[in-house]
All heavy atoms as atom14 arrays in JSON, in Angstrom:
{
  "sequence": "WYRQASGKEREWVATITPAGSTNYADSVKGRFTMSRDNTKNTVYLQMN",
  "atom14_mask": [
    [1, 1, 1, 1, 1, 1, 1, 1, 1, 1, 1, 1, 1, 1],
    [1, 1, 1, 1, 1, 1, 1, 1, 1, 1, 1, 1, 0, 0],
    [1, 1, 1, 1, 1, 1, 1, 1, 1, 1, 1, 0, 0, 0],
    [1, 1, 1, 1, 1, 1, 1, 1, 1, 0, 0, 0, 0, 0],
    [1, 1, 1, 1, 1, 0, 0, 0, 0, 0, 0, 0, 0, 0],
    [1, 1, 1, 1, 1, 1, 0, 0, 0, 0, 0, 0, 0, 0],
    [1, 1, 1, 1, 0, 0, 0, 0, 0, 0, 0, 0, 0, 0],
    [1, 1, 1, 1, 1, 1, 1, 1, 1, 0, 0, 0, 0, 0],
    [1, 1, 1, 1, 1, 1, 1, 1, 1, 0, 0, 0, 0, 0],
    [1, 1, 1, 1, 1, 1, 1, 1, 1, 1, 1, 0, 0, 0],
    [1, 1, 1, 1, 1, 1, 1, 1, 1, 0, 0, 0, 0, 0],
    [1, 1, 1, 1, 1, 1, 1, 1, 1, 1, 1, 1, 1, 1],
    [1, 1, 1, 1, 1, 1, 1, 0, 0, 0, 0, 0, 0, 0],
    [1, 1, 1, 1, 1, 0, 0, 0, 0, 0, 0, 0, 0, 0],
    [1, 1, 1, 1, 1, 1, 1, 0, 0, 0, 0, 0, 0, 0],
    [1, 1, 1, 1, 1, 1, 1, 1, 0, 0, 0, 0, 0, 0],
    [1, 1, 1, 1, 1, 1, 1, 0, 0, 0, 0, 0, 0, 0],
    [1, 1, 1, 1, 1, 1, 1, 0, 0, 0, 0, 0, 0, 0],
    [1, 1, 1, 1, 1, 0, 0, 0, 0, 0, 0, 0, 0, 0],
    [1, 1, 1, 1, 0, 0, 0, 0, 0, 0, 0, 0, 0, 0],
    [1, 1, 1, 1, 1, 1, 0, 0, 0, 0, 0, 0, 0, 0],
    [1, 1, 1, 1, 1, 1, 1, 0, 0, 0, 0, 0, 0, 0],
    [1, 1, 1, 1, 1, 1, 1, 1, 0, 0, 0, 0, 0, 0],
    [1, 1, 1, 1, 1, 1, 1, 1, 1, 1, 1, 1, 0, 0],
    [1, 1, 1, 1, 1, 0, 0, 0, 0, 0, 0, 0, 0, 0],
    [1, 1, 1, 1, 1, 1, 1, 1, 0, 0, 0, 0, 0, 0],
    [1, 1, 1, 1, 1, 1, 0, 0, 0, 0, 0, 0, 0, 0],
    [1, 1, 1, 1, 1, 1, 1, 0, 0, 0, 0, 0, 0, 0],
    [1, 1, 1, 1, 1, 1, 1, 1, 1, 0, 0, 0, 0, 0],
    [1, 1, 1, 1, 0, 0, 0, 0, 0, 0, 0, 0, 0, 0],
    [1, 1, 1, 1, 1, 1, 1, 1, 1, 1, 1, 0, 0, 0],
    [1, 1, 1, 1, 1, 1, 1, 1, 1, 1, 1, 0, 0, 0],
    [1, 1, 1, 1, 1, 1, 1, 0, 0, 0, 0, 0, 0, 0],
    [1, 1, 1, 1, 1, 1, 1, 1, 0, 0, 0, 0, 0, 0],
    [1, 1, 1, 1, 1, 1, 0, 0, 0, 0, 0, 0, 0, 0],
    [1, 1, 1, 1, 1, 1, 1, 1, 1, 1, 1, 0, 0, 0],
    [1, 1, 1, 1, 1, 1, 1, 1, 0, 0, 0, 0, 0, 0],
    [1, 1, 1, 1, 1, 1, 1, 1, 0, 0, 0, 0, 0, 0],
    [1, 1, 1, 1, 1, 1, 1, 0, 0, 0, 0, 0, 0, 0],
    [1, 1, 1, 1, 1, 1, 1, 1, 1, 0, 0, 0, 0, 0],
    [1, 1, 1, 1, 1, 1, 1, 1, 0, 0, 0, 0, 0, 0],
    [1, 1, 1, 1, 1, 1, 1, 0, 0, 0, 0, 0, 0, 0],
    [1, 1, 1, 1, 1, 1, 1, 0, 0, 0, 0, 0, 0, 0],
    [1, 1, 1, 1, 1, 1, 1, 1, 1, 1, 1, 1, 0, 0],
    [1, 1, 1, 1, 1, 1, 1, 1, 0, 0, 0, 0, 0, 0],
    [1, 1, 1, 1, 1, 1, 1, 1, 1, 0, 0, 0, 0, 0],
    [1, 1, 1, 1, 1, 1, 1, 1, 0, 0, 0, 0, 0, 0],
    [1, 1, 1, 1, 1, 1, 1, 1, 0, 0, 0, 0, 0, 0]
  ],
  "atom14_positions": [
    [[-23.81, -122.57, 64.23], [-23.54, -124.0, 64.28], [-24.15, -124.57, 65.55], [-24.03, -123.98, 66.63], [-22.04, -124.29, 64.27], [-21.38, -124.12, 62.94], [-20.69, -123.04, 62.5], [-21.34, -125.08, 61.88], [-20.21, -123.26, 61.23], [-20.6, -124.51, 60.82], [-21.85, -126.37, 61.71], [-20.37, -125.17, 59.62], [-21.62, -127.03, 60.51], [-20.89, -126.43, 59.49]],
    [[-24.78, -125.71, 65.4], [-25.29, -126.5, 66.5], [-24.74, -127.91, 66.39], [-24.25, -128.32, 65.34], [-26.82, -126.57, 66.48], [-27.54, -125.3, 66.84], [-27.65, -124.24, 65.94], [-28.15, -125.15, 68.09], [-28.32, -123.08, 66.27], [-28.83, -124.0, 68.42], [-28.91, -122.96, 67.5], [-29.59, -121.81, 67.84], [0.0, 0.0, 0.0], [0.0, 0.0, 0.0]],
    [[-24.87, -128.66, 67.47], [-24.51, -130.06, 67.41], [-25.47, -130.87, 68.27], [-26.07, -130.35, 69.21], [-23.07, -130.29, 67.86], [-22.81, -130.0, 69.33], [-21.32, -130.11, 69.64], [-21.03, -129.89, 71.04], [-19.8, -129.82, 71.54], [-18.75, -129.96, 70.75], [-19.63, -129.61, 72.84], [0.0, 0.0, 0.0], [0.0, 0.0, 0.0], [0.0, 0.0, 0.0]],
    [[-25.59, -132.12, 67.92], [-26.47, -133.01, 68.67], [-25.8, -134.37, 68.78], [-25.61, -135.06, 67.78], [-27.83, -133.15, 67.99], [-28.83, -133.94, 68.8], [-30.25, -133.8, 68.27], [-30.46, -133.49, 67.09], [-31.22, -134.0, 69.13], [0.0, 0.0, 0.0], [0.0, 0.0, 0.0], [0.0, 0.0, 0.0], [0.0, 0.0, 0.0], [0.0, 0.0, 0.0]],
    [[-25.44, -134.72, 70.0], [-24.89, -136.04, 70.28], [-26.02, -137.03, 70.42], [-27.16, -136.68, 70.76], [-24.04, -136.01, 71.55], [0.0, 0.0, 0.0], [0.0, 0.0, 0.0], [0.0, 0.0, 0.0], [0.0, 0.0, 0.0], [0.0, 0.0, 0.0], [0.0, 0.0, 0.0], [0.0, 0.0, 0.0], [0.0, 0.0, 0.0], [0.0, 0.0, 0.0]],
    [[-25.71, -138.28, 70.17], [-26.72, -139.34, 70.24], [-27.38, -139.36, 71.6], [-26.7, -139.4, 72.63], [-26.07, -140.68, 69.94], [-27.01, -141.73, 69.99], [0.0, 0.0, 0.0], [0.0, 0.0, 0.0], [0.0, 0.0, 0.0], [0.0, 0.0, 0.0], [0.0, 0.0, 0.0], [0.0, 0.0, 0.0], [0.0, 0.0, 0.0], [0.0, 0.0, 0.0]],
    [[-28.7, -139.31, 71.6], [-29.46, -139.36, 72.84], [-29.5, -138.07, 73.63], [-30.06, -138.05, 74.73], [0.0, 0.0, 0.0], [0.0, 0.0, 0.0], [0.0, 0.0, 0.0], [0.0, 0.0, 0.0], [0.0, 0.0, 0.0], [0.0, 0.0, 0.0], [0.0, 0.0, 0.0], [0.0, 0.0, 0.0], [0.0, 0.0, 0.0], [0.0, 0.0, 0.0]],
    [[-28.95, -136.99, 73.1], [-28.91, -135.72, 73.8], [-29.63, -134.64, 73.0], [-29.9, -134.8, 71.82], [-27.47, -135.3, 74.08], [-26.7, -136.27, 74.97], [-25.3, -135.77, 75.25], [-24.55, -136.74, 76.14], [-23.16, -136.27, 76.4], [0.0, 0.0, 0.0], [0.0, 0.0, 0.0], [0.0, 0.0, 0.0], [0.0, 0.0, 0.0], [0.0, 0.0, 0.0]],
    [[-29.92, -133.55, 73.68], [-30.57, -132.43, 73.02], [-29.58, -131.67, 72.14], [-28.37, -131.64, 72.41], [-31.17, -131.48, 74.06], [-32.31, -132.08, 74.85], [-32.97, -131.07, 75.77], [-32.45, -129.95, 75.89], [-34.0, -131.41, 76.36], [0.0, 0.0, 0.0], [0.0, 0.0, 0.0], [0.0, 0.0, 0.0], [0.0, 0.0, 0.0], [0.0, 0.0, 0.0]],
    [[-30.11, -131.05, 71.12], [-29.29, -130.22, 70.26], [-28.82, -128.99, 71.04], [-29.61, -128.35, 71.75], [-30.07, -129.8, 69.03], [-29.24, -129.13, 67.95], [-30.02, -129.02, 66.64], [-30.4, -130.32, 66.13], [-30.98, -130.52, 64.96], [-31.25, -129.5, 64.17], [-31.31, -131.74, 64.57], [0.0, 0.0, 0.0], [0.0, 0.0, 0.0], [0.0, 0.0, 0.0]],
    [[-27.55, -128.65, 70.89], [-27.0, -127.52, 71.61], [-26.32, -126.55, 70.65], [-25.71, -126.94, 69.66], [-26.01, -127.97, 72.69], [-24.76, -128.65, 72.17], [-23.74, -128.95, 73.25], [-23.79, -128.32, 74.32], [-22.89, -129.84, 73.02], [0.0, 0.0, 0.0], [0.0, 0.0, 0.0], [0.0, 0.0, 0.0], [0.0, 0.0, 0.0], [0.0, 0.0, 0.0]],
    [[-26.41, -125.29, 70.98], [-25.76, -124.25, 70.22], [-24.25, -124.29, 70.43], [-23.77, -124.51, 71.54], [-26.31, -122.88, 70.64], [-25.51, -121.72, 70.15], [-25.5, -121.21, 68.89], [-24.6, -120.95, 70.92], [-24.63, -120.14, 68.83], [-24.07, -119.96, 70.06], [-24.19, -120.98, 72.26], [-23.15, -119.02, 70.5], [-23.27, -120.04, 72.7], [-22.76, -119.08, 71.82]],
    [[-23.5, -124.07, 69.36], [-22.05, -124.13, 69.41], [-21.42, -122.77, 69.14], [-20.54, -122.33, 69.89], [-21.51, -125.17, 68.41], [-19.98, -125.12, 68.35], [-21.98, -126.57, 68.79], [0.0, 0.0, 0.0], [0.0, 0.0, 0.0], [0.0, 0.0, 0.0], [0.0, 0.0, 0.0], [0.0, 0.0, 0.0], [0.0, 0.0, 0.0], [0.0, 0.0, 0.0]],
    [[-21.83, -122.1, 68.06], [-21.17, -120.87, 67.66], [-22.09, -120.04, 66.79], [-23.01, -120.56, 66.15], [-19.87, -121.17, 66.9], [0.0, 0.0, 0.0], [0.0, 0.0, 0.0], [0.0, 0.0, 0.0], [0.0, 0.0, 0.0], [0.0, 0.0, 0.0], [0.0, 0.0, 0.0], [0.0, 0.0, 0.0], [0.0, 0.0, 0.0], [0.0, 0.0, 0.0]],
    [[-21.83, -118.73, 66.75], [-22.58, -117.79, 65.94], [-21.62, -116.82, 65.28], [-20.63, -116.41, 65.89], [-23.59, -116.99, 66.8], [-24.54, -117.88, 67.38], [-24.32, -115.95, 65.95], [0.0, 0.0, 0.0], [0.0, 0.0, 0.0], [0.0, 0.0, 0.0], [0.0, 0.0, 0.0], [0.0, 0.0, 0.0], [0.0, 0.0, 0.0], [0.0, 0.0, 0.0]],
    [[-21.93, -116.45, 64.05], [-21.26, -115.33, 63.41], [-22.34, -114.39, 62.89], [-23.32, -114.82, 62.29], [-20.3, -115.79, 62.29], [-19.48, -114.59, 61.77], [-21.04, -116.47, 61.15], [-18.28, -115.01, 60.93], [0.0, 0.0, 0.0], [0.0, 0.0, 0.0], [0.0, 0.0, 0.0], [0.0, 0.0, 0.0], [0.0, 0.0, 0.0], [0.0, 0.0, 0.0]],
    [[-22.17, -113.1, 63.15], [-23.16, -112.09, 62.79], [-22.82, -111.47, 61.44], [-21.71, -111.64, 60.92], [-23.23, -110.99, 63.85], [-22.04, -110.2, 63.78], [-23.36, -111.58, 65.25], [0.0, 0.0, 0.0], [0.0, 0.0, 0.0], [0.0, 0.0, 0.0], [0.0, 0.0, 0.0], [0.0, 0.0, 0.0], [0.0, 0.0, 0.0], [0.0, 0.0, 0.0]],
    [[-23.77, -110.72, 60.86], [-23.44, -110.01, 59.61], [-22.27, -109.06, 59.76], [-21.55, -108.82, 58.78], [-24.73, -109.25, 59.3], [-25.81, -110.09, 59.91], [-25.2, -110.63, 61.17], [0.0, 0.0, 0.0], [0.0, 0.0, 0.0], [0.0, 0.0, 0.0], [0.0, 0.0, 0.0], [0.0, 0.0, 0.0], [0.0, 0.0, 0.0], [0.0, 0.0, 0.0]],
    [[-22.06, -108.52, 60.95], [-20.93, -107.64, 61.2], [-19.62, -108.39, 61.36], [-18.56, -107.77, 61.43], [-21.19, -106.79, 62.43], [0.0, 0.0, 0.0], [0.0, 0.0, 0.0], [0.0, 0.0, 0.0], [0.0, 0.0, 0.0], [0.0, 0.0, 0.0], [0.0, 0.0, 0.0], [0.0, 0.0, 0.0], [0.0, 0.0, 0.0], [0.0, 0.0, 0.0]],
    [[-19.68, -109.71, 61.46], [-18.49, -110.52, 61.56], [-18.09, -110.89, 62.97], [-17.07, -111.57, 63.16], [0.0, 0.0, 0.0], [0.0, 0.0, 0.0], [0.0, 0.0, 0.0], [0.0, 0.0, 0.0], [0.0, 0.0, 0.0], [0.0, 0.0, 0.0], [0.0, 0.0, 0.0], [0.0, 0.0, 0.0], [0.0, 0.0, 0.0], [0.0, 0.0, 0.0]],
    [[-18.85, -110.47, 63.96], [-18.53, -110.84, 65.32], [-18.93, -112.29, 65.57], [-19.87, -112.81, 64.96], [-19.21, -109.92, 66.32], [-20.62, -110.01, 66.22], [0.0, 0.0, 0.0], [0.0, 0.0, 0.0], [0.0, 0.0, 0.0], [0.0, 0.0, 0.0], [0.0, 0.0, 0.0], [0.0, 0.0, 0.0], [0.0, 0.0, 0.0], [0.0, 0.0, 0.0]],
    [[-18.22, -112.94, 66.46], [-18.47, -114.34, 66.77], [-18.62, -114.53, 68.26], [-18.1, -113.75, 69.07], [-17.33, -115.24, 66.27], [-16.08, -114.79, 66.82], [-17.24, -115.2, 64.75], [0.0, 0.0, 0.0], [0.0, 0.0, 0.0], [0.0, 0.0, 0.0], [0.0, 0.0, 0.0], [0.0, 0.0, 0.0], [0.0, 0.0, 0.0], [0.0, 0.0, 0.0]],
    [[-19.33, -115.56, 68.64], [-19.37, -115.99, 70.02], [-19.58, -117.5, 70.05], [-20.07, -118.09, 69.09], [-20.41, -115.24, 70.85], [-21.8, -115.29, 70.26], [-22.07, -114.67, 69.23], [-22.69, -116.01, 70.92], [0.0, 0.0, 0.0], [0.0, 0.0, 0.0], [0.0, 0.0, 0.0], [0.0, 0.0, 0.0], [0.0, 0.0, 0.0], [0.0, 0.0, 0.0]],
    [[-19.18, -118.1, 71.19], [-19.07, -119.54, 71.28], [-19.61, -120.05, 72.59], [-19.59, -119.35, 73.61], [-17.61, -119.97, 71.15], [-16.94, -119.47, 69.9], [-16.26, -118.26, 69.9], [-17.0, -120.21, 68.72], [-15.65, -117.79, 68.74], [-16.4, -119.75, 67.57], [-15.72, -118.54, 67.58], [-15.12, -118.08, 66.44], [0.0, 0.0, 0.0], [0.0, 0.0, 0.0]],
    [[-20.07, -121.28, 72.56], [-20.43, -121.95, 73.79], [-19.17, -122.16, 74.63], [-18.08, -122.35, 74.1], [-21.09, -123.29, 73.49], [0.0, 0.0, 0.0], [0.0, 0.0, 0.0], [0.0, 0.0, 0.0], [0.0, 0.0, 0.0], [0.0, 0.0, 0.0], [0.0, 0.0, 0.0], [0.0, 0.0, 0.0], [0.0, 0.0, 0.0], [0.0, 0.0, 0.0]],
    [[-19.34, -122.13, 75.94], [-18.2, -122.3, 76.83], [-17.46, -123.62, 76.57], [-16.24, -123.69, 76.73], [-18.65, -122.25, 78.29], [-19.03, -120.85, 78.73], [-18.65, -119.88, 78.05], [-19.72, -120.74, 79.76], [0.0, 0.0, 0.0], [0.0, 0.0, 0.0], [0.0, 0.0, 0.0], [0.0, 0.0, 0.0], [0.0, 0.0, 0.0], [0.0, 0.0, 0.0]],
    [[-18.18, -124.63, 76.17], [-17.59, -125.94, 75.98], [-16.59, -125.99, 74.82], [-15.75, -126.89, 74.78], [-18.68, -126.99, 75.77], [-19.48, -126.67, 74.65], [0.0, 0.0, 0.0], [0.0, 0.0, 0.0], [0.0, 0.0, 0.0], [0.0, 0.0, 0.0], [0.0, 0.0, 0.0], [0.0, 0.0, 0.0], [0.0, 0.0, 0.0], [0.0, 0.0, 0.0]],
    [[-16.69, -125.05, 73.9], [-15.8, -125.05, 72.73], [-14.94, -123.81, 72.64], [-14.06, -123.74, 71.77], [-16.59, -125.22, 71.42], [-17.49, -126.45, 71.49], [-17.41, -123.97, 71.11], [0.0, 0.0, 0.0], [0.0, 0.0, 0.0], [0.0, 0.0, 0.0], [0.0, 0.0, 0.0], [0.0, 0.0, 0.0], [0.0, 0.0, 0.0], [0.0, 0.0, 0.0]],
    [[-15.15, -122.85, 73.51], [-14.41, -121.6, 73.47], [-12.91, -121.86, 73.59], [-12.46, -122.61, 74.46], [-14.89, -120.67, 74.58], [-14.45, -119.23, 74.44], [-15.16, -118.35, 75.47], [-16.66, -118.35, 75.24], [-17.38, -117.48, 76.21], [0.0, 0.0, 0.0], [0.0, 0.0, 0.0], [0.0, 0.0, 0.0], [0.0, 0.0, 0.0], [0.0, 0.0, 0.0]],
    [[-12.15, -121.23, 72.72], [-10.72, -121.41, 72.7], [-10.26, -122.55, 71.82], [-9.05, -122.66, 71.54], [0.0, 0.0, 0.0], [0.0, 0.0, 0.0], [0.0, 0.0, 0.0], [0.0, 0.0, 0.0], [0.0, 0.0, 0.0], [0.0, 0.0, 0.0], [0.0, 0.0, 0.0], [0.0, 0.0, 0.0], [0.0, 0.0, 0.0], [0.0, 0.0, 0.0]],
    [[-11.17, -123.41, 71.4], [-10.83, -124.54, 70.55], [-11.45, -124.44, 69.17], [-10.85, -124.89, 68.19], [-11.28, -125.86, 71.2], [-10.63, -126.12, 72.55], [-10.98, -127.52, 73.07], [-12.41, -127.69, 73.28], [-13.16, -128.6, 72.66], [-12.61, -129.44, 71.79], [-14.45, -128.69, 72.93], [0.0, 0.0, 0.0], [0.0, 0.0, 0.0], [0.0, 0.0, 0.0]],
    [[-12.65, -123.87, 69.08], [-13.37, -123.77, 67.81], [-13.36, -122.32, 67.34], [-13.42, -121.39, 68.15], [-14.81, -124.22, 67.96], [-15.01, -125.69, 68.19], [-13.96, -126.54, 68.46], [-16.3, -126.23, 68.14], [-14.15, -127.9, 68.68], [-16.51, -127.57, 68.36], [-15.43, -128.42, 68.63], [0.0, 0.0, 0.0], [0.0, 0.0, 0.0], [0.0, 0.0, 0.0]],
    [[-13.34, -122.14, 66.03], [-13.39, -120.82, 65.43], [-14.35, -120.83, 64.25], [-14.22, -121.65, 63.35], [-12.0, -120.37, 64.95], [-11.07, -120.4, 66.03], [-12.07, -118.95, 64.39], [0.0, 0.0, 0.0], [0.0, 0.0, 0.0], [0.0, 0.0, 0.0], [0.0, 0.0, 0.0], [0.0, 0.0, 0.0], [0.0, 0.0, 0.0], [0.0, 0.0, 0.0]],
    [[-15.29, -119.91, 64.27], [-16.23, -119.78, 63.16], [-15.77, -118.66, 62.24], [-15.27, -117.63, 62.7], [-17.63, -119.5, 63.69], [-18.71, -119.65, 62.64], [-20.38, -119.54, 63.36], [-21.37, -119.79, 61.88], [0.0, 0.0, 0.0], [0.0, 0.0, 0.0], [0.0, 0.0, 0.0], [0.0, 0.0, 0.0], [0.0, 0.0, 0.0], [0.0, 0.0, 0.0]],
    [[-15.94, -118.87, 60.95], [-15.55, -117.87, 59.97], [-16.44, -118.01, 58.74], [-17.31, -118.89, 58.68], [-14.07, -118.03, 59.59], [-13.83, -119.29, 58.99], [0.0, 0.0, 0.0], [0.0, 0.0, 0.0], [0.0, 0.0, 0.0], [0.0, 0.0, 0.0], [0.0, 0.0, 0.0], [0.0, 0.0, 0.0], [0.0, 0.0, 0.0], [0.0, 0.0, 0.0]],
    [[-16.22, -117.14, 57.78], [-17.0, -117.22, 56.54], [-16.18, -116.71, 55.38], [-15.24, -115.92, 55.53], [-18.3, -116.42, 56.66], [-18.1, -114.91, 56.78], [-19.42, -114.2, 56.97], [-19.23, -112.77, 57.15], [-19.97, -112.0, 57.91], [-20.98, -112.53, 58.6], [-19.72, -110.7, 58.0], [0.0, 0.0, 0.0], [0.0, 0.0, 0.0], [0.0, 0.0, 0.0]],
    [[-16.54, -117.2, 54.21], [-15.96, -116.74, 52.95], [-17.12, -116.23, 52.12], [-17.88, -117.02, 51.55], [-15.22, -117.88, 52.25], [-14.51, -117.42, 50.99], [-14.88, -116.38, 50.42], [-13.55, -118.11, 50.57], [0.0, 0.0, 0.0], [0.0, 0.0, 0.0], [0.0, 0.0, 0.0], [0.0, 0.0, 0.0], [0.0, 0.0, 0.0], [0.0, 0.0, 0.0]],
    [[-17.26, -114.93, 52.06], [-18.41, -114.34, 51.38], [-18.4, -114.6, 49.88], [-19.46, -114.66, 49.26], [-18.47, -112.84, 51.66], [-18.77, -112.52, 53.11], [-19.33, -113.34, 53.83], [-18.39, -111.34, 53.55], [0.0, 0.0, 0.0], [0.0, 0.0, 0.0], [0.0, 0.0, 0.0], [0.0, 0.0, 0.0], [0.0, 0.0, 0.0], [0.0, 0.0, 0.0]],
    [[-17.22, -114.75, 49.29], [-17.15, -115.02, 47.87], [-17.69, -116.4, 47.54], [-18.12, -116.65, 46.42], [-15.72, -114.89, 47.34], [-14.88, -115.89, 47.91], [-15.16, -113.51, 47.67], [0.0, 0.0, 0.0], [0.0, 0.0, 0.0], [0.0, 0.0, 0.0], [0.0, 0.0, 0.0], [0.0, 0.0, 0.0], [0.0, 0.0, 0.0], [0.0, 0.0, 0.0]],
    [[-17.64, -117.31, 48.51], [-18.14, -118.66, 48.32], [-19.5, -118.89, 48.97], [-20.05, -119.99, 48.85], [-17.14, -119.67, 48.88], [-15.8, -119.65, 48.18], [-14.86, -120.68, 48.79], [-13.52, -120.67, 48.07], [-12.58, -121.66, 48.67], [0.0, 0.0, 0.0], [0.0, 0.0, 0.0], [0.0, 0.0, 0.0], [0.0, 0.0, 0.0], [0.0, 0.0, 0.0]],
    [[-20.01, -117.86, 49.66], [-21.29, -117.98, 50.36], [-21.27, -119.2, 51.3], [-22.21, -119.98, 51.36], [-22.45, -118.09, 49.37], [-23.77, -117.62, 49.95], [-23.81, -116.89, 50.94], [-24.87, -118.04, 49.34], [0.0, 0.0, 0.0], [0.0, 0.0, 0.0], [0.0, 0.0, 0.0], [0.0, 0.0, 0.0], [0.0, 0.0, 0.0], [0.0, 0.0, 0.0]],
    [[-20.17, -119.32, 52.02], [-19.92, -120.48, 52.85], [-19.43, -120.04, 54.23], [-18.66, -119.09, 54.34], [-18.88, -121.41, 52.21], [-19.38, -121.89, 50.96], [-18.56, -122.59, 53.1], [0.0, 0.0, 0.0], [0.0, 0.0, 0.0], [0.0, 0.0, 0.0], [0.0, 0.0, 0.0], [0.0, 0.0, 0.0], [0.0, 0.0, 0.0], [0.0, 0.0, 0.0]],
    [[-19.9, -120.72, 55.25], [-19.39, -120.51, 56.6], [-18.67, -121.77, 57.05], [-18.95, -122.88, 56.57], [-20.49, -120.13, 57.61], [-21.14, -118.81, 57.21], [-21.54, -121.22, 57.71], [0.0, 0.0, 0.0], [0.0, 0.0, 0.0], [0.0, 0.0, 0.0], [0.0, 0.0, 0.0], [0.0, 0.0, 0.0], [0.0, 0.0, 0.0], [0.0, 0.0, 0.0]],
    [[-17.74, -121.6, 57.99], [-16.88, -122.68, 58.43], [-16.86, -122.79, 59.94], [-17.13, -121.82, 60.65], [-15.44, -122.46, 57.94], [-15.31, -122.3, 56.46], [-15.3, -121.04, 55.87], [-15.2, -123.4, 55.62], [-15.18, -120.88, 54.5], [-15.08, -123.26, 54.26], [-15.07, -122.0, 53.7], [-14.95, -121.85, 52.34], [0.0, 0.0, 0.0], [0.0, 0.0, 0.0]],
    [[-16.5, -123.95, 60.4], [-16.21, -124.16, 61.8], [-14.9, -124.93, 61.89], [-14.85, -126.11, 61.57], [-17.33, -124.94, 62.5], [-17.18, -125.09, 64.01], [-17.31, -123.73, 64.7], [-18.19, -126.07, 64.57], [0.0, 0.0, 0.0], [0.0, 0.0, 0.0], [0.0, 0.0, 0.0], [0.0, 0.0, 0.0], [0.0, 0.0, 0.0], [0.0, 0.0, 0.0]],
    [[-13.85, -124.23, 62.3], [-12.56, -124.85, 62.52], [-12.54, -125.43, 63.92], [-12.73, -124.7, 64.9], [-11.43, -123.85, 62.34], [-10.04, -124.42, 62.58], [-9.65, -125.45, 61.55], [-9.81, -125.22, 60.36], [-9.13, -126.59, 62.0], [0.0, 0.0, 0.0], [0.0, 0.0, 0.0], [0.0, 0.0, 0.0], [0.0, 0.0, 0.0], [0.0, 0.0, 0.0]],
    [[-12.3, -126.71, 64.02], [-12.36, -127.43, 65.29], [-10.98, -127.97, 65.6], [-10.47, -128.83, 64.89], [-13.38, -128.56, 65.21], [-14.74, -128.12, 64.67], [-15.78, -129.5, 64.12], [-16.06, -130.34, 65.67], [0.0, 0.0, 0.0], [0.0, 0.0, 0.0], [0.0, 0.0, 0.0], [0.0, 0.0, 0.0], [0.0, 0.0, 0.0], [0.0, 0.0, 0.0]],
    [[-10.38, -127.47, 66.67], [-9.07, -127.91, 67.11], [-9.15, -128.53, 68.49], [-10.09, -128.27, 69.24], [-8.09, -126.73, 67.14], [-7.89, -126.09, 65.78], [-7.91, -126.76, 64.76], [-7.67, -124.78, 65.78], [0.0, 0.0, 0.0], [0.0, 0.0, 0.0], [0.0, 0.0, 0.0], [0.0, 0.0, 0.0], [0.0, 0.0, 0.0], [0.0, 0.0, 0.0]]
  ]
}
């Protein structure tokens, strides 16, 4: 997942690997969670 605010550069937010490991940008760590549902071929970003 990446994000781009108006007038700013696109920045990386989160990654999930084939093994299921995740990592996050410091700005969202502890608040955002990346996950996936393989049966739906869909990835998610839960933002709290």
